[in-house]
């Protein structure tokens, strides 16, 4: 009876897992906007709450303030915009592309009757929204 090579088997399993993770990653960054049928991605968000306010950080590297549209829709804050590829990428071969680009949209659910959307600041690659608690 021939002995099975465990190293090769483990390597094959690891490669399958990496391929699966890569498919999931591509799927995450190729979400589809139901209204426009254009590809969109969702920027990551951190949310902090103090006694008087809620502060939302949205990671948007390379996005200018004029490329952002911030609105409310029912009980949600909606952040839309576009992140363009840097100019150097137009004539260069892309070796790795991990930061998503193109149109994005992020919806954050909030009971807006309890909060007032206040300060909007784009700093260090993050959109910082401050929601003041009402009452």
Protein backbone atom coordinates (compact mmCIF):
# COMPACT_ATOMS: atom_id res chain seq x y z
CA UNK A 1 0.00 0.00 0.00
CA UNK A 2 1.35 3.38 -1.00
CA UNK A 3 1.68 6.06 1.67
CA UNK A 4 -0.30 9.26 1.09
CA UNK A 5 1.66 12.50 0.89
CA UNK A 6 0.09 14.63 3.65
CA UNK A 7 2.03 17.77 2.71
CA UNK A 8 0.62 17.75 -0.84
CA UNK A 9 -2.88 17.11 0.48
CA UNK A 10 -2.63 20.02 2.94
CA UNK A 11 -1.24 22.27 0.19
CA UNK A 12 -4.13 21.37 -2.13
CA UNK A 13 -6.65 22.12 0.61
CA UNK A 14 -4.97 25.46 1.38
CA UNK A 15 -5.09 26.45 -2.30
CA UNK A 16 -8.79 25.57 -2.49
CA UNK A 17 -9.48 27.75 0.55
CA UNK A 18 -7.51 30.64 -0.95
CA UNK A 19 -9.42 30.36 -4.24
CA UNK A 20 -12.71 30.34 -2.33
CA UNK A 21 -11.66 33.40 -0.32
CA UNK A 22 -10.65 35.17 -3.54
CA UNK A 23 -14.08 34.46 -5.10
CA UNK A 24 -15.81 35.82 -1.99
CA UNK A 25 -13.59 38.92 -2.06
CA UNK A 26 -14.42 39.64 -5.71
CA UNK A 27 -18.10 39.09 -4.97
CA UNK A 28 -17.97 41.55 -2.03
CA UNK A 29 -16.49 44.30 -4.19
CA UNK A 30 -18.82 43.67 -7.14
CA UNK A 31 -22.15 44.22 -5.45
CA UNK A 32 -24.85 45.52 -7.73
CA UNK A 33 -26.88 48.66 -7.16
CA UNK A 34 -30.51 47.60 -7.63
CA UNK A 35 -31.59 50.96 -9.05
CA UNK A 36 -28.80 51.71 -11.52
CA UNK A 37 -27.51 48.17 -12.16
CA UNK A 38 -23.97 49.52 -11.86
CA UNK A 39 -21.32 47.78 -9.78
CA UNK A 40 -20.87 49.27 -6.34
CA UNK A 41 -18.84 48.50 -3.27
CA UNK A 42 -19.48 49.24 0.38
CA UNK A 43 -16.80 51.12 2.32
CA UNK A 44 -16.07 49.82 5.83
CA UNK A 45 -17.56 51.75 8.76
CA UNK A 46 -16.69 52.24 12.44
CA UNK A 47 -19.34 53.68 14.77
CA UNK A 48 -18.69 55.10 18.25
CA UNK A 49 -21.25 56.39 20.74
CA UNK A 50 -20.80 58.85 23.59
CA UNK A 51 -23.36 60.32 25.96
CA UNK A 52 -24.22 63.13 23.56
CA UNK A 53 -23.43 61.91 20.06
CA UNK A 54 -22.68 59.11 17.67
CA UNK A 55 -19.61 59.40 15.45
CA UNK A 56 -19.41 57.42 12.20
CA UNK A 57 -16.08 56.86 10.43
CA UNK A 58 -16.30 55.71 6.79
CA UNK A 59 -13.04 54.60 5.14
CA UNK A 60 -12.81 56.39 1.79
CA UNK A 61 -9.15 56.60 0.71
CA UNK A 62 -8.64 58.79 -2.33
CA UNK A 63 -12.20 60.15 -2.40
CA UNK A 64 -12.61 63.93 -2.57
CA UNK A 65 -15.39 65.69 -0.67
CA UNK A 66 -17.06 66.81 -3.91
CA UNK A 67 -17.40 63.15 -4.94
CA UNK A 68 -19.64 62.41 -1.94
CA UNK A 69 -23.40 62.53 -1.63
CA UNK A 70 -24.69 62.20 1.95
CA UNK A 71 -28.44 61.98 2.50
CA UNK A 72 -31.08 60.39 4.69
CA UNK A 73 -33.64 57.88 3.48
CA UNK A 74 -36.24 56.83 6.03
CA UNK A 75 -34.29 55.51 9.00
CA UNK A 76 -30.96 55.41 7.16
CA UNK A 77 -27.99 57.58 6.38
CA UNK A 78 -26.94 57.00 2.77
CA UNK A 79 -23.39 57.72 1.61
CA UNK A 80 -22.77 57.52 -2.15
CA UNK A 81 -19.87 58.47 -4.33
CA UNK A 82 -17.13 57.26 -6.57
CA UNK A 83 -13.49 56.41 -6.09
CA UNK A 84 -11.55 56.77 -9.32
CA UNK A 85 -8.36 54.93 -10.14
CA UNK A 86 -5.31 57.15 -9.63
CA UNK A 87 -4.00 58.76 -12.84
CA UNK A 88 -0.84 56.60 -12.79
CA UNK A 89 -3.01 53.48 -13.13
CA UNK A 90 -4.34 54.51 -16.52
CA UNK A 91 -1.00 53.78 -18.20
CA UNK A 92 0.42 51.18 -15.81
CA UNK A 93 0.03 47.45 -15.47
CA UNK A 94 -1.86 46.67 -12.27
CA UNK A 95 0.04 44.12 -10.18
CA UNK A 96 -2.34 44.10 -7.21
CA UNK A 97 -5.63 45.88 -6.63
CA UNK A 98 -7.00 45.54 -3.09
CA UNK A 99 -8.54 48.96 -2.50
CA UNK A 100 -11.85 49.02 -4.38
CA UNK A 101 -12.69 51.70 -6.91
CA UNK A 102 -15.77 52.74 -8.84
CA UNK A 103 -19.15 53.69 -7.50
CA UNK A 104 -19.93 52.97 -3.88
CA UNK A 105 -22.90 53.17 -1.59
CA UNK A 106 -23.19 52.56 2.12
CA UNK A 107 -26.47 52.59 4.04
CA UNK A 108 -26.31 52.87 7.81
CA UNK A 109 -29.49 52.27 9.77
CA UNK A 110 -30.24 54.86 12.48
CA UNK A 111 -33.42 55.91 14.25
CA UNK A 112 -33.12 59.43 12.80
CA UNK A 113 -35.95 60.75 14.96
CA UNK A 114 -33.49 60.44 17.88
CA UNK A 115 -30.46 61.96 16.10
CA UNK A 116 -29.62 65.06 14.10
CA UNK A 117 -27.00 64.78 11.38
CA UNK A 118 -24.40 67.38 12.26
CA UNK A 119 -20.77 67.79 11.29
CA UNK A 120 -19.45 66.20 8.09
CA UNK A 121 -15.69 66.10 7.77
CA UNK A 122 -13.38 64.35 5.33
CA UNK A 123 -10.06 63.81 7.09
CA UNK A 124 -7.14 61.43 6.60
CA UNK A 125 -9.04 59.29 4.08
CA UNK A 126 -12.11 58.95 6.31
CA UNK A 127 -15.50 60.60 6.21
CA UNK A 128 -16.42 61.52 9.78
CA UNK A 129 -20.13 62.07 10.44
CA UNK A 130 -21.32 63.34 13.81
CA UNK A 131 -24.91 62.65 14.82
CA UNK A 132 -26.10 64.63 17.82
CA UNK A 133 -28.57 62.94 20.14
CA UNK A 134 -31.90 64.76 20.41
CA UNK A 135 -33.52 65.03 23.84
